[in-house]
C-alpha atoms as a PDB file:
ATOM      1  CA  MET A   1     211.872  44.576 158.154  1.00  0.00           C
ATOM      2  CA  ASN A   2     214.440  45.309 156.142  1.00  0.00           C
ATOM      3  CA  SER A   3     216.327  41.975 154.475  1.00  0.00           C
ATOM      4  CA  CYS A   4     219.063  40.568 156.906  1.00  0.00           C
ATOM      5  CA  GLU A   5     215.381  41.112 159.678  1.00  0.00           C
ATOM      6  CA  PHE A   6     212.891  39.074 156.898  1.00  0.00           C
ATOM      7  CA  VAL A   7     215.778  36.633 156.489  1.00  0.00           C
ATOM      8  CA  THR A   8     216.154  36.302 160.787  1.00  0.00           C
ATOM      9  CA  PHE A   9     212.404  36.270 160.328  1.00  0.00           C
ATOM     10  CA  ILE A  10     212.144  32.858 158.386  1.00  0.00           C
ATOM     11  CA  SER A  11     215.079  31.480 160.324  1.00  0.00           C
ATOM     12  CA  VAL A  12     213.086  32.406 163.724  1.00  0.00           C
ATOM     13  CA  LEU A  13     210.033  30.963 162.489  1.00  0.00           C
ATOM     14  CA  ALA A  14     211.689  28.098 160.753  1.00  0.00           C
ATOM     15  CA  SER A  15     213.053  27.218 163.876  1.00  0.00           C
ATOM     16  CA  SER A  16     210.093  27.306 165.917  1.00  0.00           C
ATOM     17  CA  ILE A  17     208.296  25.272 163.393  1.00  0.00           C
ATOM     18  CA  ALA A  18     210.472  22.135 163.500  1.00  0.00           C
ATOM     19  CA  LYS A  19     210.505  22.317 167.567  1.00  0.00           C
ATOM     20  CA  ASN A  20     208.967  18.769 168.569  1.00  0.00           C
ATOM     21  CA  LYS A  21     208.509  17.618 165.130  1.00  0.00           C
ATOM     22  CA  THR A  22     210.355  14.224 164.119  1.00  0.00           C
ATOM     23  CA  GLN A  23     213.013  14.515 160.772  1.00  0.00           C
ATOM     24  CA  ASP A  24     210.540  13.027 158.543  1.00  0.00           C
ATOM     25  CA  GLN A  25     207.463  15.269 159.878  1.00  0.00           C
ATOM     26  CA  ILE A  26     209.781  18.307 159.293  1.00  0.00           C
ATOM     27  CA  ASN A  27     210.312  16.714 155.824  1.00  0.00           C
ATOM     28  CA  LEU A  28     207.347  16.868 155.063  1.00  0.00           C
ATOM     29  CA  LEU A  29     206.706  20.002 155.725  1.00  0.00           C
ATOM     30  CA  ALA A  30     210.174  20.991 154.366  1.00  0.00           C
ATOM     31  CA  VAL A  31     208.370  19.630 150.508  1.00  0.00           C
ATOM     32  CA  PHE A  32     205.223  21.097 151.486  1.00  0.00           C
ATOM     33  CA  PHE A  33     206.813  25.003 151.453  1.00  0.00           C
ATOM     34  CA  SER A  34     209.041  24.110 148.884  1.00  0.00           C
ATOM     35  CA  GLN A  35     205.823  23.033 146.794  1.00  0.00           C
ATOM     36  CA  LEU A  36     203.595  26.025 147.325  1.00  0.00           C
ATOM     37  CA  GLY A  37     206.912  28.506 146.710  1.00  0.00           C
ATOM     38  CA  ASP A  38     206.953  26.837 143.656  1.00  0.00           C
ATOM     39  CA  THR A  39     203.134  26.858 143.116  1.00  0.00           C
ATOM     40  CA  LEU A  40     202.863  30.308 143.898  1.00  0.00           C
ATOM     41  CA  ALA A  41     206.522  31.694 142.058  1.00  0.00           C
ATOM     42  CA  THR A  42     204.113  29.752 138.551  1.00  0.00           C
ATOM     43  CA  ILE A  43     201.094  31.740 139.050  1.00  0.00           C
ATOM     44  CA  SER A  44     203.002  35.108 139.468  1.00  0.00           C
ATOM     45  CA  THR A  45     204.826  34.444 136.798  1.00  0.00           C
ATOM     46  CA  TYR A  46     201.694  32.692 134.513  1.00  0.00           C
ATOM     47  CA  GLU A  47     199.909  35.848 135.549  1.00  0.00           C
ATOM     48  CA  GLY A  48     202.448  38.312 134.289  1.00  0.00           C
ATOM     49  CA  ILE A  49     203.572  36.360 131.221  1.00  0.00           C
ATOM     50  CA  LYS A  50     199.338  36.835 130.932  1.00  0.00           C
ATOM     51  CA  ASP A  51     199.399  40.280 131.522  1.00  0.00           C
ATOM     52  CA  GLU A  52     202.251  41.785 129.439  1.00  0.00           C
ATOM     53  CA  SER A  53     200.148  39.399 126.638  1.00  0.00           C
ATOM     54  CA  GLU A  54     197.053  41.052 127.012  1.00  0.00           C
ATOM     55  CA  LYS A  55     199.157  44.383 126.927  1.00  0.00           C
ATOM     56  CA  GLU A  56     200.860  43.762 123.526  1.00  0.00           C
ATOM     57  CA  CYS A  57     197.408  43.209 121.977  1.00  0.00           C
ATOM     58  CA  MET A  58     195.897  46.790 122.665  1.00  0.00           C
END
């Protein structure tokens, strides 16, 4: 899957998830997935930094 296909997939998925939801439900889902993405990015960054610092000590 290339980047354009990936973006299209995400858009279709978002539209599908939002279907038949209230505006409040969509807002809650949006902040939920934003928090999830931010937390995953934080974990990934921390693990990368931790791995680099462990290499420096060896």
